[in-house]
Protein backbone atom coordinates (compact mmCIF):
# COMPACT_ATOMS: atom_id res chain seq x y z
CA HIS A 1 -7.26 11.66 4.54
CA THR A 2 -8.89 9.49 1.89
CA PRO A 3 -9.76 5.84 2.74
CA SER A 4 -6.91 4.53 0.59
CA LYS A 5 -4.43 6.84 2.30
CA ARG A 6 -5.68 5.75 5.70
CA MET A 7 -5.17 2.11 4.66
CA ARG A 8 -1.61 2.88 3.59
CA CYS A 9 -0.94 4.62 6.91
CA ILE A 10 -2.30 1.63 8.82
CA GLY A 11 -0.18 -0.72 6.69
CA VAL A 12 2.95 1.30 7.38
CA GLY A 13 2.16 1.37 11.08
CA LEU A 14 1.57 -2.39 11.21
CA ALA A 15 4.76 -3.10 9.26
CA GLY A 16 6.75 -1.36 11.98
CA THR A 17 5.36 -3.49 14.80
CA ALA A 18 6.60 -6.87 15.97
CA SER A 19 3.14 -8.38 16.46
CA GLY A 20 1.35 -7.06 13.37
CA SER A 21 4.00 -6.90 10.63
CA PHE A 22 2.97 -10.33 9.29
CA LEU A 23 -0.43 -8.91 8.32
CA VAL A 24 1.10 -6.89 5.48
CA LYS A 25 3.15 -9.82 4.16
CA LYS A 26 2.06 -12.69 1.95
CA ALA A 27 3.81 -15.37 4.01
CA ARG A 28 1.79 -18.06 5.73
CA VAL A 29 0.69 -17.05 9.21
CA THR A 30 0.85 -19.23 12.30
CA HIS A 31 -1.57 -19.54 15.19
CA LEU A 32 1.01 -17.96 17.49
CA GLN A 33 1.10 -14.85 15.30
CA MET A 34 -2.69 -14.66 15.23
CA GLU A 35 -2.87 -14.99 19.01
CA GLY A 36 -0.94 -11.74 19.24
CA ILE A 37 -3.67 -9.74 17.48
CA ILE A 38 -6.85 -11.65 18.31
CA LYS A 39 -8.19 -9.68 21.22
CA ASP A 40 -11.61 -9.12 22.71
CA PRO A 41 -13.42 -6.34 20.85
CA VAL A 42 -13.27 -2.97 22.57
CA ILE A 43 -16.74 -1.44 22.78
CA GLU A 44 -16.46 2.23 23.69
CA HIS A 45 -19.05 4.88 24.38
CA ILE A 46 -19.01 8.56 25.12
CA PRO A 47 -17.99 9.03 28.77
CA ASP A 48 -20.79 10.04 31.09
CA GLU A 49 -18.65 12.75 32.67
CA LEU A 50 -18.65 14.78 29.48
CA PRO A 51 -21.17 17.62 29.63
CA VAL A 52 -24.29 17.05 27.57
CA PRO A 53 -25.63 19.92 25.45
CA ASP A 54 -28.89 21.46 26.53
CA TRP A 55 -31.04 20.17 23.66
CA SER A 56 -34.08 21.98 25.02
CA LEU A 57 -32.65 25.17 23.53
CA LEU A 58 -33.65 23.83 20.12
CA HIS A 59 -37.31 24.10 21.03
CA SER A 60 -38.40 27.50 22.31
CA ASN A 61 -42.04 28.50 22.33
CA THR A 62 -41.29 32.10 23.25
CA PRO A 63 -41.26 34.51 20.26
CA LEU A 64 -37.97 36.32 19.77
CA HIS A 65 -39.58 39.77 19.82
CA SER A 66 -40.75 39.16 23.39
CA TYR A 67 -37.15 38.71 24.64
CA SER A 68 -35.45 41.58 26.39
CA ARG A 69 -31.82 42.43 25.63
CA HIS A 70 -30.72 40.66 28.80
CA ASP A 71 -32.75 37.57 27.90
CA LEU A 72 -31.25 37.50 24.39
CA GLU A 73 -27.73 37.74 25.77
CA GLU A 74 -28.40 34.88 28.18
CA ARG A 75 -29.88 32.76 25.40
CA CYS A 76 -26.89 33.44 23.13
CA ASN A 77 -24.51 32.47 25.91
CA ALA A 78 -26.51 29.30 26.58
CA LEU A 79 -26.52 28.40 22.89
CA THR A 80 -22.73 29.01 22.68
CA GLU A 81 -22.14 26.78 25.69
CA ALA A 82 -24.38 24.03 24.29
CA LEU A 83 -22.61 24.25 20.92
CA GLY A 84 -19.25 23.86 22.66
CA HIS A 85 -20.48 20.76 24.51
CA ALA A 86 -21.81 19.33 21.24
CA LYS A 87 -18.43 19.93 19.59
CA VAL A 88 -16.66 17.97 22.33
CA GLN A 89 -19.20 15.14 22.07
CA LEU A 90 -18.76 15.02 18.28
CA ALA A 91 -14.94 14.93 18.55
CA VAL A 92 -15.06 12.08 21.06
CA ALA A 93 -17.55 10.14 18.92
CA HIS A 94 -15.29 10.61 15.89
CA GLU A 95 -12.29 9.19 17.77
CA ILE A 96 -14.35 6.23 18.97
CA MET A 97 -15.53 5.46 15.42
CA SER A 98 -11.95 5.73 14.13
CA GLY A 99 -10.81 3.20 16.72
CA GLN A 100 -13.64 0.82 15.89
CA SER A 101 -12.88 1.12 12.18
CA ALA A 102 -9.22 0.31 12.87
CA GLN A 103 -10.31 -2.80 14.81
CA LEU A 104 -12.41 -3.95 11.84
CA ILE A 105 -9.56 -3.36 9.40
CA VAL A 106 -7.03 -5.28 11.49
CA GLN A 107 -9.50 -8.12 12.01
CA ASN A 108 -10.21 -8.23 8.28
CA MET A 109 -6.49 -8.35 7.48
CA GLY A 110 -6.10 -11.18 9.97
CA MET A 111 -8.99 -13.08 8.38
CA GLU A 112 -7.44 -12.65 4.94
CA ALA A 113 -4.09 -13.95 6.25
CA MET A 114 -5.77 -16.97 7.84
CA ASN A 115 -7.73 -17.59 4.64
CA ARG A 116 -4.50 -17.63 2.61
CA ALA A 117 -2.95 -20.10 5.06
CA LEU A 118 -6.06 -22.29 4.92
CA PHE A 119 -6.09 -22.15 1.11
CA GLU A 120 -2.45 -23.24 0.92
CA LYS A 121 -3.14 -26.06 3.34
CA GLU A 122 -6.07 -27.28 1.25
CA GLN A 123 -4.01 -27.43 -1.94
CA PRO A 124 -2.73 -30.90 -2.85
CA LYS A 125 0.99 -31.34 -2.36
CA ASN A 126 3.12 -31.54 -5.46
CA ARG A 127 4.42 -35.07 -5.33
CA ASP A 128 7.17 -35.11 -7.89
CA ARG A 129 7.53 -38.85 -8.06
CA THR A 130 8.43 -40.63 -11.23
CA ALA A 131 6.60 -43.78 -12.20
CA MET A 132 9.42 -45.81 -13.71
CA PHE A 133 7.27 -48.91 -13.80
CA PRO A 134 3.79 -47.88 -15.02
CA LYS A 135 0.97 -50.30 -14.30
CA ASN A 136 3.37 -52.20 -12.04
CA PHE A 137 4.84 -53.99 -15.01
CA GLY A 138 8.45 -54.98 -14.64
CA ARG A 139 11.10 -53.72 -17.06
CA HIS A 140 14.65 -54.61 -17.79
CA ALA A 141 17.10 -51.83 -16.82
CA THR A 142 18.90 -52.17 -20.16
CA ALA A 143 15.77 -52.03 -22.30
CA PRO A 144 15.88 -49.15 -24.85
CA GLU A 145 12.44 -47.91 -23.81
CA TRP A 146 13.47 -47.75 -20.16
CA VAL A 147 16.72 -45.96 -20.98
CA LEU A 148 14.88 -43.47 -23.20
CA GLN A 149 12.29 -42.81 -20.50
CA LYS A 150 15.01 -42.29 -17.89
CA ARG A 151 16.87 -39.83 -20.10
CA THR A 152 13.65 -37.96 -20.86
CA LEU A 153 12.87 -37.60 -17.17
CA GLU A 154 16.41 -36.43 -16.45
CA ASP A 155 16.16 -33.82 -19.20
CA GLU A 156 12.84 -32.61 -17.81
CA GLY A 157 14.37 -32.30 -14.35
CA LYS A 158 17.31 -30.32 -15.73
CA GLN A 159 14.91 -28.07 -17.62
CA LYS A 160 12.90 -27.42 -14.44
CA GLU A 161 16.08 -26.46 -12.59
CA ALA A 162 17.12 -24.19 -15.44
CA ASP A 163 13.71 -22.52 -15.51
CA LYS A 164 13.86 -22.03 -11.75
CA ALA A 165 17.29 -20.44 -11.98
CA GLN A 166 16.10 -18.19 -14.81
CA ARG A 167 13.13 -17.05 -12.72
CA LYS A 168 15.50 -16.14 -9.91
CA VAL A 169 17.67 -14.13 -12.30
CA THR A 170 14.60 -12.36 -13.73
CA LYS A 171 13.31 -11.55 -10.25
CA ALA A 172 16.70 -10.19 -9.18
CA GLY A 173 16.87 -8.08 -12.34
CA LYS A 174 13.42 -6.61 -11.71
CA LYS A 175 14.38 -5.77 -8.14
CA ALA A 176 17.60 -4.08 -9.29
CA ARG A 177 15.71 -2.06 -11.92
CA LYS A 178 13.19 -0.98 -9.30
CA VAL A 179 15.97 0.25 -6.99
CA GLU A 180 17.64 2.06 -9.90
CA LEU A 181 14.33 3.65 -10.89
CA GLU A 182 13.77 4.93 -7.35
CA GLU A 183 17.24 6.47 -7.27
CA ARG A 184 16.66 8.16 -10.62
CA TRP A 185 13.27 9.44 -9.42
CA LYS A 186 14.83 10.92 -6.29
CA ALA A 187 17.47 12.65 -8.43
CA VAL A 188 14.75 14.02 -10.72
CA CYS A 189 12.80 15.40 -7.74
CA VAL A 190 15.89 17.07 -6.28
CA ALA A 191 16.78 18.60 -9.65
CA HIS A 192 13.21 19.85 -10.08
CA GLU A 193 13.21 21.50 -6.66
CA GLU A 194 16.49 23.23 -7.47
CA ALA A 195 15.06 24.38 -10.81
CA ILE A 196 11.98 25.78 -9.02
CA VAL A 197 14.17 27.74 -6.60
CA GLN A 198 16.23 29.13 -9.47
CA TRP A 199 13.08 29.95 -11.46
CA LYS A 200 11.58 31.87 -8.53
CA ALA A 201 14.80 33.86 -8.10
CA THR A 202 14.89 34.65 -11.81
CA CYS A 203 11.25 35.77 -11.79
CA GLU A 204 11.85 38.04 -8.79
CA THR A 205 14.83 39.61 -10.54
CA LEU A 206 12.88 40.16 -13.76
CA LYS A 207 9.90 41.62 -11.88
CA ALA A 208 12.18 44.04 -10.09
CA SER A 209 13.58 45.16 -13.43
CA GLY A 210 10.06 45.89 -14.75
CA VAL A 211 9.37 42.82 -16.88
CA ALA A 212 5.65 42.09 -17.29
CA ALA A 213 4.28 38.94 -15.68
CA LYS A 214 3.22 37.48 -19.04
CA ASN A 215 6.81 37.69 -20.26
CA LEU A 216 8.26 35.80 -17.32
CA PRO A 217 9.71 32.35 -17.97
CA LYS A 218 7.36 29.43 -17.47
CA LYS A 219 7.55 27.30 -14.37
CA PRO A 220 9.74 24.22 -14.88
CA LYS A 221 7.81 21.00 -15.22
CA ARG A 222 8.82 17.78 -13.60
CA VAL A 223 8.88 14.67 -15.77
CA LEU A 224 6.41 11.96 -14.93
CA LYS A 225 7.59 8.87 -13.16
CA ALA A 226 5.87 6.80 -15.84
CA SER A 227 8.24 8.24 -18.43
CA LEU A 228 11.21 6.95 -16.43
CA VAL A 229 9.60 3.51 -16.36
CA GLU A 230 9.13 3.62 -20.14
CA GLU A 231 12.74 4.68 -20.64
CA SER A 232 13.90 1.82 -18.44
CA GLU A 233 11.79 -0.68 -20.37
CA ASP A 234 13.03 0.70 -23.70
CA GLY A 235 16.60 0.41 -22.46
CA ASP A 236 16.03 -3.21 -21.45
CA GLU A 237 14.58 -4.01 -24.87
CA ALA A 238 17.50 -2.30 -26.60
CA GLY A 239 19.98 -4.15 -24.41
CA GLY A 240 18.28 -7.44 -25.19
CA SER A 241 18.39 -6.78 -28.93
CA ASP A 242 22.08 -5.86 -28.70
CA GLU A 243 22.85 -9.08 -26.87
CA GLU A 244 20.96 -11.05 -29.52
CA SER A 245 22.88 -9.34 -32.32
CA ASP A 246 26.18 -10.01 -30.55
CA SER A 247 25.30 -13.67 -30.14
CA ASP A 248 24.37 -13.84 -33.83
CA ASP A 249 27.71 -12.32 -34.79
CA GLU A 250 29.52 -14.90 -32.73
């Protein structure tokens, strides 16, 4: 597995747990959630009960030509046994390093989550308070300037609410397009697999009838997922232009 694939596997595994799923989300973490994953580091070492290879076999002062057949057989057996012990030691060391790497990754994800929470806490709160009486000067409620300022602030508030609602609609539309794209991609993959099966059957039939390999039909190609995304975007642009033309006609 590549490092990126290992990270994805760890993310999927954490998402399926009750105590670590928050690490793969962007929501603010709490100290109770962090208490669930903050543990004492586990320092492992190769168990002493594992057999240790006979490293002295690497250094032999006796020339090979002086060995008898029996001595050579014994040395080969000893080297094979030492190599087997070394293989076991290497496998155990690899598992220990994998576990330690996983600890570091989880700790790093926890630190990033805590850093996001700390960053949000450090940001100044958005105090949406209107200063109707700037510089503490009094104003008459029927004054034209006061009425104009009040209407302007009301219009700005309505515009903010409209923008917020539009963002929600845009987000929902993107989510729906993503779901639709995934369904279309699944259908494309199924159709491609069926085409491959049919192509193989056709090739077998043609080979049996004596058709040369160079004259066999080419293997069906599957469209790229990026092309489906482009088609979806083109469709959205076309739909938007149609809506604009309809509104112009009205």
